[in-house]
Amino acid sequence: MPIYEYHCNGCNNNFEALVFGNEKPVCDSCNSKKVSKLMSTCGFVSKGSGGETVSSSASGSSCSGCTATSCSSCS
């Protein structure tokens, strides 16, 4: 089951919640149901053909628009 990040519109608390099906998350600080889902980054590890780590997260790359299959070609 996915864990989502939420922001409480009542007390400005940011929290994570494990959500099953159509359940509505509740703020763990003030119990408010007035929450907004936050955009989360996705963490991953991608291995190149030589076993080197190419990227460790979706927001961790400093090569925007890079089409290389390996970061070893970057200077």
Protein backbone atom coordinates (compact mmCIF):
# COMPACT_ATOMS: atom_id res chain seq x y z
CA MET A 1 0.00 0.00 0.00
CA PRO A 2 1.31 3.46 -0.82
CA ILE A 3 2.39 5.98 1.78
CA TYR A 4 1.42 9.52 0.80
CA GLU A 5 2.50 12.89 2.16
CA TYR A 6 -0.19 15.35 3.25
CA HIS A 7 -0.49 18.93 4.50
CA CYS A 8 -3.13 19.79 7.09
CA ASN A 9 -5.02 22.96 6.16
CA GLY A 10 -6.11 23.38 9.79
CA CYS A 11 -2.82 23.33 11.71
CA ASN A 12 -0.20 23.44 8.87
CA ASN A 13 1.22 20.07 9.91
CA ASN A 14 2.90 17.93 7.23
CA PHE A 15 2.55 14.19 7.75
CA GLU A 16 2.65 10.81 6.02
CA ALA A 17 -0.24 8.37 5.93
CA LEU A 18 -0.69 4.81 4.71
CA VAL A 19 -3.91 4.97 2.67
CA PHE A 20 -6.04 1.92 1.86
CA GLY A 21 -8.52 2.19 -1.02
CA ASN A 22 -10.95 5.10 -0.59
CA GLU A 23 -9.95 5.96 2.99
CA LYS A 24 -9.61 9.66 3.78
CA PRO A 25 -6.46 10.65 5.71
CA VAL A 26 -6.76 12.43 9.05
CA CYS A 27 -4.13 14.82 10.43
CA ASP A 28 -2.13 13.04 13.13
CA SER A 29 -1.71 16.32 15.03
CA CYS A 30 -5.22 17.85 15.18
CA ASN A 31 -7.45 15.07 13.72
CA SER A 32 -8.69 17.36 10.94
CA LYS A 33 -9.92 15.83 7.69
CA LYS A 34 -9.13 19.04 5.77
CA VAL A 35 -5.85 17.86 4.24
CA SER A 36 -4.15 18.24 0.86
CA LYS A 37 -1.94 15.65 -0.81
CA LEU A 38 1.62 16.86 -1.37
CA MET A 39 3.74 16.10 -4.42
CA SER A 40 6.45 13.67 -3.34
CA THR A 41 9.81 12.89 -4.88
CA CYS A 42 10.42 9.36 -5.98
CA GLY A 43 13.63 7.72 -4.85
CA PHE A 44 15.25 5.07 -7.01
CA VAL A 45 18.62 3.64 -7.95
CA SER A 46 19.47 3.02 -11.58
CA LYS A 47 22.48 0.90 -12.55
CA GLY A 48 24.40 1.43 -15.78
CA SER A 49 25.72 -1.38 -17.94
CA GLY A 50 28.98 -1.45 -15.93
CA GLY A 51 27.14 -1.59 -12.60
CA GLU A 52 27.79 2.07 -11.76
CA THR A 53 25.01 4.06 -10.09
CA VAL A 54 23.55 6.44 -12.67
CA SER A 55 20.98 8.20 -10.47
CA SER A 56 19.80 7.86 -6.91
CA SER A 57 16.61 9.94 -6.99
CA ALA A 58 14.33 11.75 -9.40
CA SER A 59 15.45 15.12 -8.07
CA GLY A 60 19.10 14.21 -7.51
CA SER A 61 20.39 14.63 -11.03
CA SER A 62 22.38 17.76 -11.83
CA CYS A 63 22.26 16.97 -15.56
CA SER A 64 18.93 18.36 -16.68
CA GLY A 65 18.03 17.08 -20.10
CA CYS A 66 20.97 14.66 -20.18
CA THR A 67 20.56 11.82 -22.68
CA ALA A 68 23.70 9.89 -21.72
CA THR A 69 23.27 6.37 -20.38
CA SER A 70 26.13 6.86 -17.91
CA CYS A 71 27.16 9.82 -15.76
CA SER A 72 30.80 8.85 -16.36
CA SER A 73 30.58 10.85 -19.61
CA CYS A 74 29.78 14.05 -17.67
CA SER A 75 32.64 16.35 -16.75
